[in-house]
């Protein structure tokens, strides 16, 4: 990583059910899709089937603020 660069979010725990994921989207919270942070608007544009499959495969994680 270059000097002076710091990630705004770090990867947290995996999201285990679709209700938790939808709660994150309602509160406009960022999540990680594998190793990539994603804005909630991008996830809102995905189909529900895609989101359910991602939760089942455990590739969506919480984004925790980096302190």
PDB file of N, CA and C in Angstrom:
ATOM      1  N   UNK A   1       0.842  -1.178   0.000  1.00  0.00           N
ATOM      2  CA  UNK A   1       0.000   0.000   0.000  1.00  0.00           C
ATOM      3  C   UNK A   1       0.887   1.240   0.000  1.00  0.00           C
ATOM      4  N   UNK A   2       0.483   2.238  -0.744  1.00  0.00           N
ATOM      5  CA  UNK A   2       1.277   3.459  -0.857  1.00  0.00           C
ATOM      6  C   UNK A   2       1.194   4.276   0.430  1.00  0.00           C
ATOM      7  N   UNK A   3       2.164   5.148   0.570  1.00  0.00           N
ATOM      8  CA  UNK A   3       2.195   6.029   1.747  1.00  0.00           C
ATOM      9  C   UNK A   3       0.950   6.897   1.800  1.00  0.00           C
ATOM     10  N   UNK A   4       0.383   7.037   2.976  1.00  0.00           N
ATOM     11  CA  UNK A   4      -0.743   7.938   3.182  1.00  0.00           C
ATOM     12  C   UNK A   4      -2.095   7.368   2.785  1.00  0.00           C
ATOM     13  N   UNK A   5      -2.131   6.169   2.211  1.00  0.00           N
ATOM     14  CA  UNK A   5      -3.417   5.584   1.832  1.00  0.00           C
ATOM     15  C   UNK A   5      -3.910   4.663   2.939  1.00  0.00           C
ATOM     16  N   UNK A   6      -5.164   4.811   3.266  1.00  0.00           N
ATOM     17  CA  UNK A   6      -5.776   3.980   4.289  1.00  0.00           C
ATOM     18  C   UNK A   6      -7.195   3.665   3.848  1.00  0.00           C
ATOM     19  N   UNK A   7      -7.559   2.408   3.910  1.00  0.00           N
ATOM     20  CA  UNK A   7      -8.912   2.032   3.526  1.00  0.00           C
ATOM     21  C   UNK A   7      -9.924   2.603   4.521  1.00  0.00           C
ATOM     22  N   UNK A   8     -11.068   3.011   3.987  1.00  0.00           N
ATOM     23  CA  UNK A   8     -12.103   3.566   4.849  1.00  0.00           C
ATOM     24  C   UNK A   8     -12.822   2.460   5.623  1.00  0.00           C
ATOM     25  N   UNK A   9     -12.962   1.283   4.999  1.00  0.00           N
ATOM     26  CA  UNK A   9     -13.650   0.157   5.631  1.00  0.00           C
ATOM     27  C   UNK A   9     -12.763  -1.083   5.590  1.00  0.00           C
ATOM     28  N   UNK A  10     -12.960  -1.945   6.560  1.00  0.00           N
ATOM     29  CA  UNK A  10     -12.309  -3.256   6.574  1.00  0.00           C
ATOM     30  C   UNK A  10     -13.402  -4.324   6.588  1.00  0.00           C
ATOM     31  N   UNK A  11     -13.049  -5.510   6.162  1.00  0.00           N
ATOM     32  CA  UNK A  11     -14.008  -6.606   6.077  1.00  0.00           C
ATOM     33  C   UNK A  11     -14.347  -7.122   7.471  1.00  0.00           C
ATOM     34  N   UNK A  12     -15.638  -7.224   7.748  1.00  0.00           N
ATOM     35  CA  UNK A  12     -16.109  -7.733   9.035  1.00  0.00           C
ATOM     36  C   UNK A  12     -16.613  -9.162   8.909  1.00  0.00           C
ATOM     37  N   UNK A  13     -17.603  -9.518   9.715  1.00  0.00           N
ATOM     38  CA  UNK A  13     -18.171 -10.867   9.707  1.00  0.00           C
ATOM     39  C   UNK A  13     -19.086 -11.060   8.500  1.00  0.00           C
ATOM     40  N   UNK A  14     -19.231 -12.312   8.110  1.00  0.00           N
ATOM     41  CA  UNK A  14     -20.119 -12.645   6.993  1.00  0.00           C
ATOM     42  C   UNK A  14     -21.571 -12.397   7.383  1.00  0.00           C
ATOM     43  N   UNK A  15     -22.361 -11.934   6.438  1.00  0.00           N
ATOM     44  CA  UNK A  15     -23.798 -11.745   6.654  1.00  0.00           C
ATOM     45  C   UNK A  15     -24.461 -13.092   6.419  1.00  0.00           C
ATOM     46  N   UNK A  16     -25.232 -13.564   7.410  1.00  0.00           N
ATOM     47  CA  UNK A  16     -25.715 -14.943   7.387  1.00  0.00           C
ATOM     48  C   UNK A  16     -27.144 -15.116   6.888  1.00  0.00           C
ATOM     49  N   UNK A  17     -27.936 -14.044   6.842  1.00  0.00           N
ATOM     50  CA  UNK A  17     -29.289 -14.196   6.309  1.00  0.00           C
ATOM     51  C   UNK A  17     -29.703 -12.956   5.527  1.00  0.00           C
ATOM     52  N   UNK A  18     -30.708 -13.135   4.716  1.00  0.00           N
ATOM     53  CA  UNK A  18     -31.140 -12.075   3.801  1.00  0.00           C
ATOM     54  C   UNK A  18     -31.772 -10.911   4.562  1.00  0.00           C
ATOM     55  N   UNK A  19     -32.379 -11.172   5.712  1.00  0.00           N
ATOM     56  CA  UNK A  19     -32.995 -10.099   6.496  1.00  0.00           C
ATOM     57  C   UNK A  19     -31.936  -9.124   7.006  1.00  0.00           C
ATOM     58  N   UNK A  20     -30.808  -9.648   7.448  1.00  0.00           N
ATOM     59  CA  UNK A  20     -29.712  -8.792   7.908  1.00  0.00           C
ATOM     60  C   UNK A  20     -29.184  -7.942   6.761  1.00  0.00           C
ATOM     61  N   UNK A  21     -29.044  -8.565   5.596  1.00  0.00           N
ATOM     62  CA  UNK A  21     -28.564  -7.828   4.427  1.00  0.00           C
ATOM     63  C   UNK A  21     -29.530  -6.715   4.047  1.00  0.00           C
ATOM     64  N   UNK A  22     -30.832  -7.005   4.050  1.00  0.00           N
ATOM     65  CA  UNK A  22     -31.819  -5.981   3.705  1.00  0.00           C
ATOM     66  C   UNK A  22     -31.839  -4.861   4.742  1.00  0.00           C
ATOM     67  N   UNK A  23     -31.578  -5.196   6.009  1.00  0.00           N
ATOM     68  CA  UNK A  23     -31.468  -4.167   7.045  1.00  0.00           C
ATOM     69  C   UNK A  23     -30.292  -3.244   6.784  1.00  0.00           C
ATOM     70  N   UNK A  24     -29.164  -3.800   6.335  1.00  0.00           N
ATOM     71  CA  UNK A  24     -28.006  -2.986   5.985  1.00  0.00           C
ATOM     72  C   UNK A  24     -28.330  -2.066   4.806  1.00  0.00           C
ATOM     73  N   UNK A  25     -29.060  -2.591   3.833  1.00  0.00           N
ATOM     74  CA  UNK A  25     -29.403  -1.779   2.666  1.00  0.00           C
ATOM     75  C   UNK A  25     -30.373  -0.660   3.032  1.00  0.00           C
ATOM     76  N   UNK A  26     -31.311  -0.942   3.938  1.00  0.00           N
ATOM     77  CA  UNK A  26     -32.254   0.093   4.368  1.00  0.00           C
ATOM     78  C   UNK A  26     -31.554   1.220   5.101  1.00  0.00           C
ATOM     79  N   UNK A  27     -30.493   0.893   5.834  1.00  0.00           N
ATOM     80  CA  UNK A  27     -29.748   1.913   6.578  1.00  0.00           C
ATOM     81  C   UNK A  27     -28.614   2.518   5.761  1.00  0.00           C
ATOM     82  N   UNK A  28     -28.524   2.139   4.480  1.00  0.00           N
ATOM     83  CA  UNK A  28     -27.502   2.662   3.556  1.00  0.00           C
ATOM     84  C   UNK A  28     -26.088   2.394   4.059  1.00  0.00           C
ATOM     85  N   UNK A  29     -25.841   1.181   4.541  1.00  0.00           N
ATOM     86  CA  UNK A  29     -24.517   0.796   5.023  1.00  0.00           C
ATOM     87  C   UNK A  29     -23.755   0.064   3.914  1.00  0.00           C
ATOM     88  N   UNK A  30     -22.466   0.296   3.859  1.00  0.00           N
ATOM     89  CA  UNK A  30     -21.603  -0.379   2.903  1.00  0.00           C
ATOM     90  C   UNK A  30     -21.412  -1.829   3.318  1.00  0.00           C
ATOM     91  N   UNK A  31     -21.181  -2.702   2.337  1.00  0.00           N
ATOM     92  CA  UNK A  31     -20.852  -4.100   2.583  1.00  0.00           C
ATOM     93  C   UNK A  31     -19.684  -4.496   1.682  1.00  0.00           C
ATOM     94  N   UNK A  32     -19.090  -5.633   1.966  1.00  0.00           N
ATOM     95  CA  UNK A  32     -18.026  -6.178   1.122  1.00  0.00           C
ATOM     96  C   UNK A  32     -18.601  -7.309   0.288  1.00  0.00           C
ATOM     97  N   UNK A  33     -18.347  -7.280  -1.012  1.00  0.00           N
ATOM     98  CA  UNK A  33     -18.664  -8.383  -1.909  1.00  0.00           C
ATOM     99  C   UNK A  33     -17.330  -9.054  -2.180  1.00  0.00           C
ATOM    100  N   UNK A  34     -17.114 -10.198  -1.578  1.00  0.00           N
ATOM    101  CA  UNK A  34     -15.811 -10.873  -1.529  1.00  0.00           C
ATOM    102  C   UNK A  34     -14.798  -9.930  -0.881  1.00  0.00           C
ATOM    103  N   UNK A  35     -13.869  -9.375  -1.628  1.00  0.00           N
ATOM    104  CA  UNK A  35     -12.869  -8.475  -1.039  1.00  0.00           C
ATOM    105  C   UNK A  35     -13.058  -7.035  -1.475  1.00  0.00           C
ATOM    106  N   UNK A  36     -14.180  -6.728  -2.091  1.00  0.00           N
ATOM    107  CA  UNK A  36     -14.403  -5.403  -2.656  1.00  0.00           C
ATOM    108  C   UNK A  36     -15.526  -4.669  -1.914  1.00  0.00           C
ATOM    109  N   UNK A  37     -15.260  -3.467  -1.399  1.00  0.00           N
ATOM    110  CA  UNK A  37     -16.349  -2.721  -0.754  1.00  0.00           C
ATOM    111  C   UNK A  37     -17.361  -2.253  -1.795  1.00  0.00           C
ATOM    112  N   UNK A  38     -18.638  -2.367  -1.445  1.00  0.00           N
ATOM    113  CA  UNK A  38     -19.694  -1.982  -2.380  1.00  0.00           C
ATOM    114  C   UNK A  38     -20.664  -1.008  -1.725  1.00  0.00           C
ATOM    115  N   UNK A  39     -21.022   0.005  -2.492  1.00  0.00           N
ATOM    116  CA  UNK A  39     -22.015   0.992  -2.065  1.00  0.00           C
ATOM    117  C   UNK A  39     -23.386   0.315  -2.043  1.00  0.00           C
ATOM    118  N   UNK A  40     -24.247   0.678  -1.100  1.00  0.00           N
ATOM    119  CA  UNK A  40     -25.562   0.028  -1.008  1.00  0.00           C
ATOM    120  C   UNK A  40     -26.423   0.200  -2.256  1.00  0.00           C
ATOM    121  N   UNK A  41     -26.250   1.278  -3.007  1.00  0.00           N
ATOM    122  CA  UNK A  41     -27.041   1.487  -4.219  1.00  0.00           C
ATOM    123  C   UNK A  41     -26.739   0.404  -5.248  1.00  0.00           C
ATOM    124  N   UNK A  42     -25.478  -0.038  -5.326  1.00  0.00           N
ATOM    125  CA  UNK A  42     -25.138  -1.106  -6.267  1.00  0.00           C
ATOM    126  C   UNK A  42     -25.854  -2.403  -5.916  1.00  0.00           C
ATOM    127  N   UNK A  43     -25.968  -2.683  -4.619  1.00  0.00           N
ATOM    128  CA  UNK A  43     -26.666  -3.898  -4.205  1.00  0.00           C
ATOM    129  C   UNK A  43     -28.170  -3.785  -4.414  1.00  0.00           C
ATOM    130  N   UNK A  44     -28.707  -2.586  -4.288  1.00  0.00           N
ATOM    131  CA  UNK A  44     -30.147  -2.399  -4.517  1.00  0.00           C
ATOM    132  C   UNK A  44     -30.523  -2.680  -5.962  1.00  0.00           C
ATOM    133  N   UNK A  45     -29.569  -2.507  -6.874  1.00  0.00           N
ATOM    134  CA  UNK A  45     -29.843  -2.754  -8.290  1.00  0.00           C
ATOM    135  C   UNK A  45     -29.732  -4.225  -8.667  1.00  0.00           C
ATOM    136  N   UNK A  46     -29.253  -5.062  -7.757  1.00  0.00           N
ATOM    137  CA  UNK A  46     -29.156  -6.494  -8.026  1.00  0.00           C
ATOM    138  C   UNK A  46     -30.494  -7.173  -7.751  1.00  0.00           C
ATOM    139  N   UNK A  47     -30.697  -8.304  -8.392  1.00  0.00           N
ATOM    140  CA  UNK A  47     -31.941  -9.043  -8.157  1.00  0.00           C
ATOM    141  C   UNK A  47     -31.893  -9.719  -6.786  1.00  0.00           C
ATOM    142  N   UNK A  48     -33.065 -10.013  -6.264  1.00  0.00           N
ATOM    143  CA  UNK A  48     -33.153 -10.673  -4.965  1.00  0.00           C
ATOM    144  C   UNK A  48     -32.542 -12.070  -5.024  1.00  0.00           C
ATOM    145  N   UNK A  49     -32.697 -12.746  -6.150  1.00  0.00           N
ATOM    146  CA  UNK A  49     -32.116 -14.083  -6.302  1.00  0.00           C
ATOM    147  C   UNK A  49     -30.594 -14.030  -6.220  1.00  0.00           C
ATOM    148  N   UNK A  50     -29.986 -13.019  -6.807  1.00  0.00           N
ATOM    149  CA  UNK A  50     -28.532 -12.862  -6.756  1.00  0.00           C
ATOM    150  C   UNK A  50     -28.075 -12.621  -5.324  1.00  0.00           C
ATOM    151  N   UNK A  51     -28.797 -11.791  -4.599  1.00  0.00           N
ATOM    152  CA  UNK A  51     -28.432 -11.501  -3.212  1.00  0.00           C
ATOM    153  C   UNK A  51     -28.609 -12.727  -2.320  1.00  0.00           C
ATOM    154  N   UNK A  52     -29.679 -13.480  -2.535  1.00  0.00           N
ATOM    155  CA  UNK A  52     -29.898 -14.699  -1.748  1.00  0.00           C
ATOM    156  C   UNK A  52     -28.791 -15.709  -1.997  1.00  0.00           C
ATOM    157  N   UNK A  53     -28.388 -15.852  -3.248  1.00  0.00           N
ATOM    158  CA  UNK A  53     -27.314 -16.782  -3.597  1.00  0.00           C
ATOM    159  C   UNK A  53     -25.992 -16.351  -2.961  1.00  0.00           C
ATOM    160  N   UNK A  54     -25.733 -15.051  -2.942  1.00  0.00           N
ATOM    161  CA  UNK A  54     -24.494 -14.540  -2.350  1.00  0.00           C
ATOM    162  C   UNK A  54     -24.463 -14.765  -0.843  1.00  0.00           C
ATOM    163  N   UNK A  55     -25.598 -14.589  -0.185  1.00  0.00           N
ATOM    164  CA  UNK A  55     -25.666 -14.840   1.264  1.00  0.00           C
ATOM    165  C   UNK A  55     -25.466 -16.328   1.535  1.00  0.00           C
ATOM    166  N   UNK A  56     -26.071 -17.171   0.726  1.00  0.00           N
ATOM    167  CA  UNK A  56     -25.933 -18.620   0.896  1.00  0.00           C
ATOM    168  C   UNK A  56     -24.485 -19.062   0.714  1.00  0.00           C
ATOM    169  N   UNK A  57     -23.779 -18.449  -0.225  1.00  0.00           N
ATOM    170  CA  UNK A  57     -22.385 -18.810  -0.496  1.00  0.00           C
ATOM    171  C   UNK A  57     -21.386 -18.076   0.401  1.00  0.00           C
ATOM    172  N   UNK A  58     -21.908 -17.214   1.271  1.00  0.00           N
ATOM    173  CA  UNK A  58     -21.089 -16.452   2.233  1.00  0.00           C
ATOM    174  C   UNK A  58     -20.011 -15.614   1.545  1.00  0.00           C
ATOM    175  N   UNK A  59     -20.449 -14.792   0.580  1.00  0.00           N
ATOM    176  CA  UNK A  59     -19.499 -13.892  -0.072  1.00  0.00           C
ATOM    177  C   UNK A  59     -19.818 -12.424   0.220  1.00  0.00           C
ATOM    178  N   UNK A  60     -20.821 -12.174   1.078  1.00  0.00           N
ATOM    179  CA  UNK A  60     -21.140 -10.806   1.483  1.00  0.00           C
ATOM    180  C   UNK A  60     -20.771 -10.649   2.958  1.00  0.00           C
ATOM    181  N   UNK A  61     -20.009  -9.598   3.247  1.00  0.00           N
ATOM    182  CA  UNK A  61     -19.520  -9.335   4.596  1.00  0.00           C
ATOM    183  C   UNK A  61     -19.901  -7.918   5.028  1.00  0.00           C
ATOM    184  N   UNK A  62     -19.928  -7.705   6.316  1.00  0.00           N
ATOM    185  CA  UNK A  62     -20.154  -6.358   6.836  1.00  0.00           C
ATOM    186  C   UNK A  62     -18.922  -5.492   6.571  1.00  0.00           C
ATOM    187  N   UNK A  63     -19.124  -4.221   6.373  1.00  0.00           N
ATOM    188  CA  UNK A  63     -18.017  -3.280   6.232  1.00  0.00           C
ATOM    189  C   UNK A  63     -17.906  -2.501   7.540  1.00  0.00           C
ATOM    190  N   UNK A  64     -16.792  -2.659   8.227  1.00  0.00           N
ATOM    191  CA  UNK A  64     -16.558  -1.997   9.503  1.00  0.00           C
ATOM    192  C   UNK A  64     -15.647  -0.809   9.288  1.00  0.00           C
ATOM    193  N   UNK A  65     -15.928   0.336   9.908  1.00  0.00           N
ATOM    194  CA  UNK A  65     -15.040   1.497   9.755  1.00  0.00           C
ATOM    195  C   UNK A  65     -13.637   1.190  10.241  1.00  0.00           C
ATOM    196  N   UNK A  66     -12.659   1.625   9.479  1.00  0.00           N
ATOM    197  CA  UNK A  66     -11.265   1.414   9.833  1.00  0.00           C
ATOM    198  C   UNK A  66     -10.808   2.546  10.743  1.00  0.00           C
ATOM    199  N   UNK A  67     -10.365   2.196  11.932  1.00  0.00           N
ATOM    200  CA  UNK A  67      -9.924   3.236  12.872  1.00  0.00           C
ATOM    201  C   UNK A  67      -8.426   3.278  13.017  1.00  0.00           C
TER     202      UNK A  67
END
